[in-house]
Amino acid sequence: MGNGPSLREMELNLFEAEVVFASNAAYLLFPAINWRPKYYSCVDTRVLPDSVVDITAMLQENPGMQGFFPEELPQYDGSGKTIPTRSLFPPLENIHFFKQRPMIKKQLPSSAFTIGAGAVLCSPKTVTIALMQIAVIMGFSDIYLFGCDTSYTIPASVLQSGRAVPGKPGEKLLLTSTQNDDPNHFTTSYFGAGKKWHHPKTDQMIRHYNLAKEVLDSAGVAVYNATVGGSLDVFPRVDYREILKKC
């Protein structure tokens, strides 16, 4: 499950009996649904430290939910610093940490997606690809994406700083919202006033999805896009209602 605005157009309580992987501020959706995700991840080096109090509360309140996080969080602010993720959390039995590695250009597409148990995950261009890697390592062979709109607009009210984003004149890597006017998620307060996030760079997301599909196709893992609308056309489209009827 992604966190796109398309979730507002779905009958989400139909997913009550399904194994759902969720991410980032999915907990903001909880008042509107009668189920909870089984698995959760957050990998963004700005979002995770900024939201760790809420993430911790979610995992404490839902001990059956399993949270997965990278062991280290590199800071892309020019400092060269890395935060050990364990230092952000209290000791909880339902928190797990994994190692990450970057893609290796000479070994694409295989280096873009990890499928072997016990292996190091490829650092994802979107948290959904981290969830997909975890799901495949667990043994899931049919994966359905929903809420993965993969389209972003940066409001004029957002403060931008840090490095310039290649190919995006005037746009910077580090973003901080000043208002509850987020158009990119299921609620405008998702990245609301005071929230820190990164430039989404959807072109890199799409490229990583394409590379992941090559690896998954060769491994016999089927991925379908059950998102209502959106811009992710890498995977075959399906109607989520029809899929859930068959389950």
C-alpha atoms as a PDB file:
ATOM      1  CA  MET A   1       0.000   0.000   0.000  1.00  0.00           C
ATOM      2  CA  GLY A   2       1.300   3.373  -1.040  1.00  0.00           C
ATOM      3  CA  ASN A   3       0.031   6.623   0.422  1.00  0.00           C
ATOM      4  CA  GLY A   4      -1.264   8.411  -2.658  1.00  0.00           C
ATOM      5  CA  PRO A   5      -4.486  10.463  -2.934  1.00  0.00           C
ATOM      6  CA  SER A   6      -6.095   7.583  -4.857  1.00  0.00           C
ATOM      7  CA  LEU A   7      -6.649   5.819  -1.510  1.00  0.00           C
ATOM      8  CA  ARG A   8      -9.545   8.245  -0.983  1.00  0.00           C
ATOM      9  CA  GLU A   9     -11.258   6.651  -3.982  1.00  0.00           C
ATOM     10  CA  MET A  10     -11.001   3.078  -2.711  1.00  0.00           C
ATOM     11  CA  GLU A  11     -13.119   0.911  -0.399  1.00  0.00           C
ATOM     12  CA  LEU A  12     -10.189   0.225   1.887  1.00  0.00           C
ATOM     13  CA  ASN A  13     -12.061  -1.922   4.397  1.00  0.00           C
ATOM     14  CA  LEU A  14     -12.231  -4.594   1.698  1.00  0.00           C
ATOM     15  CA  PHE A  15      -8.563  -5.272   2.512  1.00  0.00           C
ATOM     16  CA  GLU A  16      -9.311  -6.411   6.072  1.00  0.00           C
ATOM     17  CA  ALA A  17      -8.433 -10.064   5.421  1.00  0.00           C
ATOM     18  CA  GLU A  18      -5.362  -9.357   3.292  1.00  0.00           C
ATOM     19  CA  VAL A  19      -1.647  -9.268   4.169  1.00  0.00           C
ATOM     20  CA  VAL A  20      -0.830  -5.586   3.684  1.00  0.00           C
ATOM     21  CA  PHE A  21       2.601  -3.943   3.694  1.00  0.00           C
ATOM     22  CA  ALA A  22       2.464  -0.216   4.540  1.00  0.00           C
ATOM     23  CA  SER A  23       4.911   2.652   4.906  1.00  0.00           C
ATOM     24  CA  ASN A  24       5.733   6.137   6.155  1.00  0.00           C
ATOM     25  CA  ALA A  25       2.687   7.946   7.608  1.00  0.00           C
ATOM     26  CA  ALA A  26       0.200   5.160   6.885  1.00  0.00           C
ATOM     27  CA  TYR A  27      -0.912   5.478  10.530  1.00  0.00           C
ATOM     28  CA  LEU A  28      -2.759   8.678   9.598  1.00  0.00           C
ATOM     29  CA  LEU A  29      -5.175   6.421   7.735  1.00  0.00           C
ATOM     30  CA  PHE A  30      -5.972   4.243  10.759  1.00  0.00           C
ATOM     31  CA  PRO A  31      -8.998   6.224  12.036  1.00  0.00           C
ATOM     32  CA  ALA A  32     -10.727   5.501   8.710  1.00  0.00           C
ATOM     33  CA  ILE A  33     -10.069   1.730   8.461  1.00  0.00           C
ATOM     34  CA  ASN A  34     -10.982  -1.272  10.625  1.00  0.00           C
ATOM     35  CA  TRP A  35      -7.754  -3.225  10.018  1.00  0.00           C
ATOM     36  CA  ARG A  36      -4.025  -2.730  10.446  1.00  0.00           C
ATOM     37  CA  PRO A  37      -1.116  -3.560   8.109  1.00  0.00           C
ATOM     38  CA  LYS A  38       0.857  -6.683   8.957  1.00  0.00           C
ATOM     39  CA  TYR A  39       4.205  -5.221   7.885  1.00  0.00           C
ATOM     40  CA  TYR A  40       5.590  -1.686   7.813  1.00  0.00           C
ATOM     41  CA  SER A  41       8.701   0.142   6.657  1.00  0.00           C
ATOM     42  CA  CYS A  42      10.150   3.630   6.501  1.00  0.00           C
ATOM     43  CA  VAL A  43      13.523   4.246   4.861  1.00  0.00           C
ATOM     44  CA  ASP A  44      13.646   7.969   4.090  1.00  0.00           C
ATOM     45  CA  THR A  45      16.497   9.676   5.928  1.00  0.00           C
ATOM     46  CA  ARG A  46      14.420  12.793   6.670  1.00  0.00           C
ATOM     47  CA  VAL A  47      10.963  11.273   7.133  1.00  0.00           C
ATOM     48  CA  LEU A  48      12.026   8.544   9.589  1.00  0.00           C
ATOM     49  CA  PRO A  49      13.768  10.759  12.193  1.00  0.00           C
ATOM     50  CA  ASP A  50      11.028  13.384  11.802  1.00  0.00           C
ATOM     51  CA  SER A  51       8.220  10.858  12.410  1.00  0.00           C
ATOM     52  CA  VAL A  52       9.890   8.376  14.766  1.00  0.00           C
ATOM     53  CA  VAL A  53       7.663   9.279  17.744  1.00  0.00           C
ATOM     54  CA  ASP A  54       4.508   8.481  15.770  1.00  0.00           C
ATOM     55  CA  ILE A  55       6.053   5.354  14.238  1.00  0.00           C
ATOM     56  CA  THR A  56       7.109   4.097  17.670  1.00  0.00           C
ATOM     57  CA  ALA A  57       3.629   4.720  19.079  1.00  0.00           C
ATOM     58  CA  MET A  58       2.083   2.804  16.169  1.00  0.00           C
ATOM     59  CA  LEU A  59       4.323  -0.236  16.747  1.00  0.00           C
ATOM     60  CA  GLN A  60       3.749  -0.160  20.500  1.00  0.00           C
ATOM     61  CA  GLU A  61      -0.028  -0.010  20.037  1.00  0.00           C
ATOM     62  CA  ASN A  62       0.054  -2.777  17.413  1.00  0.00           C
ATOM     63  CA  PRO A  63       2.535  -5.410  18.644  1.00  0.00           C
ATOM     64  CA  GLY A  64       1.486  -7.816  15.896  1.00  0.00           C
ATOM     65  CA  MET A  65       2.712  -5.383  13.246  1.00  0.00           C
ATOM     66  CA  GLN A  66       6.329  -5.921  12.212  1.00  0.00           C
ATOM     67  CA  GLY A  67       8.437  -2.836  11.405  1.00  0.00           C
ATOM     68  CA  PHE A  68      11.491  -2.961   9.125  1.00  0.00           C
ATOM     69  CA  PHE A  69      14.105  -0.203   8.966  1.00  0.00           C
ATOM     70  CA  PRO A  70      17.596   0.280   7.476  1.00  0.00           C
ATOM     71  CA  GLU A  71      20.437  -0.071   9.973  1.00  0.00           C
ATOM     72  CA  GLU A  72      21.850   3.334   9.030  1.00  0.00           C
ATOM     73  CA  LEU A  73      20.430   6.582   7.700  1.00  0.00           C
ATOM     74  CA  PRO A  74      22.885   8.606   5.569  1.00  0.00           C
ATOM     75  CA  GLN A  75      22.294  12.340   5.801  1.00  0.00           C
ATOM     76  CA  TYR A  76      22.147  13.903   2.340  1.00  0.00           C
ATOM     77  CA  ASP A  77      22.859  17.396   3.629  1.00  0.00           C
ATOM     78  CA  GLY A  78      26.539  17.574   2.721  1.00  0.00           C
ATOM     79  CA  SER A  79      27.686  16.654   6.244  1.00  0.00           C
ATOM     80  CA  GLY A  80      28.631  13.061   5.394  1.00  0.00           C
ATOM     81  CA  LYS A  81      27.052  11.924   8.652  1.00  0.00           C
ATOM     82  CA  THR A  82      25.156   8.680   9.185  1.00  0.00           C
ATOM     83  CA  ILE A  83      22.579   8.077  11.921  1.00  0.00           C
ATOM     84  CA  PRO A  84      22.416   4.577  13.467  1.00  0.00           C
ATOM     85  CA  THR A  85      18.692   3.858  13.232  1.00  0.00           C
ATOM     86  CA  ARG A  86      18.628   1.784  16.437  1.00  0.00           C
ATOM     87  CA  SER A  87      19.419   4.949  18.366  1.00  0.00           C
ATOM     88  CA  LEU A  88      16.051   6.413  17.359  1.00  0.00           C
ATOM     89  CA  PHE A  89      13.893   3.610  18.778  1.00  0.00           C
ATOM     90  CA  PRO A  90      13.278   2.038  22.171  1.00  0.00           C
ATOM     91  CA  PRO A  91      13.866  -1.745  22.298  1.00  0.00           C
ATOM     92  CA  LEU A  92      10.748  -3.355  20.803  1.00  0.00           C
ATOM     93  CA  GLU A  93      10.367  -6.992  19.726  1.00  0.00           C
ATOM     94  CA  ASN A  94       8.513  -6.034  16.549  1.00  0.00           C
ATOM     95  CA  ILE A  95      11.288  -3.800  15.162  1.00  0.00           C
ATOM     96  CA  HIS A  96      13.805  -5.285  12.720  1.00  0.00           C
ATOM     97  CA  PHE A  97      16.776  -3.741  10.938  1.00  0.00           C
ATOM     98  CA  PHE A  98      18.266  -4.553   7.538  1.00  0.00           C
ATOM     99  CA  LYS A  99      21.418  -3.617   5.667  1.00  0.00           C
ATOM    100  CA  GLN A 100      21.276  -1.645   2.418  1.00  0.00           C
ATOM    101  CA  ARG A 101      23.596  -1.264  -0.561  1.00  0.00           C
ATOM    102  CA  PRO A 102      23.437   1.002  -3.613  1.00  0.00           C
ATOM    103  CA  MET A 103      22.739  -0.238  -7.122  1.00  0.00           C
ATOM    104  CA  ILE A 104      25.820  -1.377  -9.023  1.00  0.00           C
ATOM    105  CA  LYS A 105      25.571  -0.019 -12.563  1.00  0.00           C
ATOM    106  CA  LYS A 106      27.668  -2.809 -14.077  1.00  0.00           C
ATOM    107  CA  GLN A 107      25.393  -5.409 -12.494  1.00  0.00           C
ATOM    108  CA  LEU A 108      21.983  -4.072 -13.541  1.00  0.00           C
ATOM    109  CA  PRO A 109      19.249  -5.127 -13.400  1.00  0.00           C
ATOM    110  CA  SER A 110      20.141  -7.798 -10.811  1.00  0.00           C
ATOM    111  CA  SER A 111      21.738  -5.292  -8.414  1.00  0.00           C
ATOM    112  CA  ALA A 112      18.539  -3.189  -8.366  1.00  0.00           C
ATOM    113  CA  PHE A 113      16.431  -5.703  -6.435  1.00  0.00           C
ATOM    114  CA  THR A 114      17.299  -8.286  -3.782  1.00  0.00           C
ATOM    115  CA  ILE A 115      15.395 -11.570  -3.839  1.00  0.00           C
ATOM    116  CA  GLY A 116      17.547 -13.874  -1.684  1.00  0.00           C
ATOM    117  CA  ALA A 117      16.874 -14.493   1.994  1.00  0.00           C
ATOM    118  CA  GLY A 118      19.557 -13.059   4.254  1.00  0.00           C
ATOM    119  CA  ALA A 119      20.869 -10.758   1.532  1.00  0.00           C
ATOM    120  CA  VAL A 120      21.399  -6.997   1.711  1.00  0.00           C
ATOM    121  CA  LEU A 121      18.537  -4.949   0.297  1.00  0.00           C
ATOM    122  CA  CYS A 122      19.104  -2.571  -2.581  1.00  0.00           C
ATOM    123  CA  SER A 123      18.639   0.996  -1.389  1.00  0.00           C
ATOM    124  CA  PRO A 124      15.278   1.930  -2.964  1.00  0.00           C
ATOM    125  CA  LYS A 125      14.246   5.037  -4.856  1.00  0.00           C
ATOM    126  CA  THR A 126      10.850   4.642  -3.203  1.00  0.00           C
ATOM    127  CA  VAL A 127       9.904   2.859   0.010  1.00  0.00           C
ATOM    128  CA  THR A 128       7.476   0.690  -1.967  1.00  0.00           C
ATOM    129  CA  ILE A 129      10.455  -1.088  -3.545  1.00  0.00           C
ATOM    130  CA  ALA A 130      11.832  -1.768  -0.054  1.00  0.00           C
ATOM    131  CA  LEU A 131       8.460  -3.321   0.848  1.00  0.00           C
ATOM    132  CA  MET A 132       8.508  -5.383  -2.351  1.00  0.00           C
ATOM    133  CA  GLN A 133      11.982  -6.735  -1.586  1.00  0.00           C
ATOM    134  CA  ILE A 134      10.912  -7.702   1.940  1.00  0.00           C
ATOM    135  CA  ALA A 135       7.781  -9.393   0.577  1.00  0.00           C
ATOM    136  CA  VAL A 136       9.748 -11.429  -1.979  1.00  0.00           C
ATOM    137  CA  ILE A 137      12.328 -12.483   0.622  1.00  0.00           C
ATOM    138  CA  MET A 138       9.407 -13.660   2.797  1.00  0.00           C
ATOM    139  CA  GLY A 139       8.228 -15.844  -0.069  1.00  0.00           C
ATOM    140  CA  PHE A 140       5.307 -13.909  -1.558  1.00  0.00           C
ATOM    141  CA  SER A 141       5.017 -14.585  -5.292  1.00  0.00           C
ATOM    142  CA  ASP A 142       1.996 -12.421  -6.166  1.00  0.00           C
ATOM    143  CA  ILE A 143       2.160  -8.744  -5.203  1.00  0.00           C
ATOM    144  CA  TYR A 144      -0.522  -6.123  -5.763  1.00  0.00           C
ATOM    145  CA  LEU A 145       0.286  -2.431  -5.460  1.00  0.00           C
ATOM    146  CA  PHE A 146      -2.373   0.101  -4.519  1.00  0.00           C
ATOM    147  CA  GLY A 147      -2.181   3.751  -3.534  1.00  0.00           C
ATOM    148  CA  CYS A 148       1.023   4.013  -5.598  1.00  0.00           C
ATOM    149  CA  ASP A 149       0.073   7.104  -7.622  1.00  0.00           C
ATOM    150  CA  THR A 150       3.742   7.959  -8.371  1.00  0.00           C
ATOM    151  CA  SER A 151       2.979  11.569  -9.258  1.00  0.00           C
ATOM    152  CA  TYR A 152       4.025  14.573  -7.188  1.00  0.00           C
ATOM    153  CA  THR A 153       3.608  18.329  -7.123  1.00  0.00           C
ATOM    154  CA  ILE A 154       5.678  20.507  -4.784  1.00  0.00           C
ATOM    155  CA  PRO A 155       3.474  23.330  -3.426  1.00  0.00           C
ATOM    156  CA  ALA A 156       4.841  26.861  -3.624  1.00  0.00           C
ATOM    157  CA  SER A 157       4.531  27.054   0.181  1.00  0.00           C
ATOM    158  CA  VAL A 158       7.251  24.388   0.675  1.00  0.00           C
ATOM    159  CA  LEU A 159      10.712  25.580   1.707  1.00  0.00           C
ATOM    160  CA  GLN A 160      13.464  24.081  -0.452  1.00  0.00           C
ATOM    161  CA  SER A 161      17.144  23.798   0.520  1.00  0.00           C
ATOM    162  CA  GLY A 162      20.245  21.677  -0.006  1.00  0.00           C
ATOM    163  CA  ARG A 163      21.576  20.429  -3.324  1.00  0.00           C
ATOM    164  CA  ALA A 164      19.913  21.281  -6.614  1.00  0.00           C
ATOM    165  CA  VAL A 165      17.962  18.432  -8.231  1.00  0.00           C
ATOM    166  CA  PRO A 166      19.416  17.559 -11.663  1.00  0.00           C
ATOM    167  CA  GLY A 167      16.988  18.239 -14.477  1.00  0.00           C
ATOM    168  CA  LYS A 168      14.672  20.241 -12.216  1.00  0.00           C
ATOM    169  CA  PRO A 169      15.647  23.924 -12.534  1.00  0.00           C
ATOM    170  CA  GLY A 170      15.168  25.827  -9.294  1.00  0.00           C
ATOM    171  CA  GLU A 171      14.229  22.730  -7.277  1.00  0.00           C
ATOM    172  CA  LYS A 172      16.212  21.540  -4.246  1.00  0.00           C
ATOM    173  CA  LEU A 173      16.629  18.174  -2.537  1.00  0.00           C
ATOM    174  CA  LEU A 174      15.565  19.005   1.043  1.00  0.00           C
ATOM    175  CA  LEU A 175      11.941  20.053   1.533  1.00  0.00           C
ATOM    176  CA  THR A 176      10.065  21.388   4.563  1.00  0.00           C
ATOM    177  CA  SER A 177       6.327  22.042   4.456  1.00  0.00           C
ATOM    178  CA  THR A 178       4.914  25.241   5.949  1.00  0.00           C
ATOM    179  CA  GLN A 179       1.204  24.502   5.431  1.00  0.00           C
ATOM    180  CA  ASN A 180      -1.224  21.577   5.399  1.00  0.00           C
ATOM    181  CA  ASP A 181      -1.520  21.687   1.628  1.00  0.00           C
ATOM    182  CA  ASP A 182       0.025  18.355   0.574  1.00  0.00           C
ATOM    183  CA  PRO A 183      -1.627  17.303  -2.726  1.00  0.00           C
ATOM    184  CA  ASN A 184       0.400  14.103  -3.062  1.00  0.00           C
ATOM    185  CA  HIS A 185      -1.075  11.895  -0.348  1.00  0.00           C
ATOM    186  CA  PHE A 186      -4.393  10.716   1.062  1.00  0.00           C
ATOM    187  CA  THR A 187      -4.580  13.711   3.422  1.00  0.00           C
ATOM    188  CA  THR A 188      -3.300  17.264   2.975  1.00  0.00           C
ATOM    189  CA  SER A 189      -1.691  17.073   6.433  1.00  0.00           C
ATOM    190  CA  TYR A 190       0.441  14.037   5.455  1.00  0.00           C
ATOM    191  CA  PHE A 191       3.467  16.221   4.787  1.00  0.00           C
ATOM    192  CA  GLY A 192       1.796  19.124   6.560  1.00  0.00           C
ATOM    193  CA  ALA A 193       3.163  22.172   8.329  1.00  0.00           C
ATOM    194  CA  GLY A 194       6.657  21.524   9.726  1.00  0.00           C
ATOM    195  CA  LYS A 195       7.117  18.111   8.097  1.00  0.00           C
ATOM    196  CA  LYS A 196      10.470  17.313   6.466  1.00  0.00           C
ATOM    197  CA  TRP A 197      10.790  15.293   3.269  1.00  0.00           C
ATOM    198  CA  HIS A 198      12.927  14.802   0.174  1.00  0.00           C
ATOM    199  CA  HIS A 199      12.321  15.829  -3.400  1.00  0.00           C
ATOM    200  CA  PRO A 200      10.408  12.803  -4.762  1.00  0.00           C
ATOM    201  CA  LYS A 201      12.301  12.456  -8.096  1.00  0.00           C
ATOM    202  CA  THR A 202       9.581  10.322  -9.692  1.00  0.00           C
ATOM    203  CA  ASP A 203      11.726   9.686 -12.776  1.00  0.00           C
ATOM    204  CA  GLN A 204      14.142   7.713 -10.601  1.00  0.00           C
ATOM    205  CA  MET A 205      11.240   5.854  -8.982  1.00  0.00           C
ATOM    206  CA  ILE A 206       9.923   4.752 -12.377  1.00  0.00           C
ATOM    207  CA  ARG A 207      13.401   3.669 -13.486  1.00  0.00           C
ATOM    208  CA  HIS A 208      13.814   1.579 -10.330  1.00  0.00           C
ATOM    209  CA  TYR A 209      10.387   0.002 -10.833  1.00  0.00           C
ATOM    210  CA  ASN A 210      11.384  -0.967 -14.384  1.00  0.00           C
ATOM    211  CA  LEU A 211      14.627  -2.557 -13.190  1.00  0.00           C
ATOM    212  CA  ALA A 212      12.780  -4.348 -10.385  1.00  0.00           C
ATOM    213  CA  LYS A 213      10.273  -5.743 -12.883  1.00  0.00           C
ATOM    214  CA  GLU A 214      13.076  -7.293 -14.939  1.00  0.00           C
ATOM    215  CA  VAL A 215      14.406  -9.098 -11.863  1.00  0.00           C
ATOM    216  CA  LEU A 216      10.945 -10.149 -10.673  1.00  0.00           C
ATOM    217  CA  ASP A 217       9.889 -11.421 -14.096  1.00  0.00           C
ATOM    218  CA  SER A 218      12.966 -13.620 -14.270  1.00  0.00           C
ATOM    219  CA  ALA A 219      12.276 -14.918 -10.739  1.00  0.00           C
ATOM    220  CA  GLY A 220       8.654 -15.765 -11.516  1.00  0.00           C
ATOM    221  CA  VAL A 221       7.205 -13.157  -9.157  1.00  0.00           C
ATOM    222  CA  ALA A 222       4.076 -11.460 -10.502  1.00  0.00           C
ATOM    223  CA  VAL A 223       3.442  -7.793  -9.637  1.00  0.00           C
ATOM    224  CA  TYR A 224       0.225  -5.986 -10.553  1.00  0.00           C
ATOM    225  CA  ASN A 225      -0.818  -2.373 -10.132  1.00  0.00           C
ATOM    226  CA  ALA A 226      -4.237  -2.105  -8.471  1.00  0.00           C
ATOM    227  CA  THR A 227      -3.897   1.658  -7.934  1.00  0.00           C
ATOM    228  CA  VAL A 228      -6.906   3.729  -9.002  1.00  0.00           C
ATOM    229  CA  GLY A 229      -5.383   5.967 -11.671  1.00  0.00           C
ATOM    230  CA  GLY A 230      -1.929   7.395 -11.059  1.00  0.00           C
ATOM    231  CA  SER A 231       1.179   7.408 -13.246  1.00  0.00           C
ATOM    232  CA  LEU A 232       2.724   4.003 -12.544  1.00  0.00           C
ATOM    233  CA  ASP A 233       2.368   2.000 -15.761  1.00  0.00           C
ATOM    234  CA  VAL A 234       5.338  -0.356 -15.318  1.00  0.00           C
ATOM    235  CA  PHE A 235       3.183  -3.246 -14.071  1.00  0.00           C
ATOM    236  CA  PRO A 236      -0.045  -4.667 -15.539  1.00  0.00           C
ATOM    237  CA  ARG A 237      -3.143  -2.869 -14.311  1.00  0.00           C
ATOM    238  CA  VAL A 238      -5.893  -4.720 -12.428  1.00  0.00           C
ATOM    239  CA  ASP A 239      -9.123  -3.718 -10.676  1.00  0.00           C
ATOM    240  CA  TYR A 240      -8.667  -4.166  -6.934  1.00  0.00           C
ATOM    241  CA  ARG A 241     -12.335  -5.091  -6.455  1.00  0.00           C
ATOM    242  CA  GLU A 242     -12.076  -7.956  -8.917  1.00  0.00           C
ATOM    243  CA  ILE A 243      -8.871  -9.240  -7.283  1.00  0.00           C
ATOM    244  CA  LEU A 244     -10.359  -9.175  -3.778  1.00  0.00           C
ATOM    245  CA  LYS A 245     -13.432 -11.088  -4.966  1.00  0.00           C
ATOM    246  CA  LYS A 246     -11.118 -13.959  -5.945  1.00  0.00           C
ATOM    247  CA  CYS A 247      -9.237 -14.032  -2.655  1.00  0.00           C
END
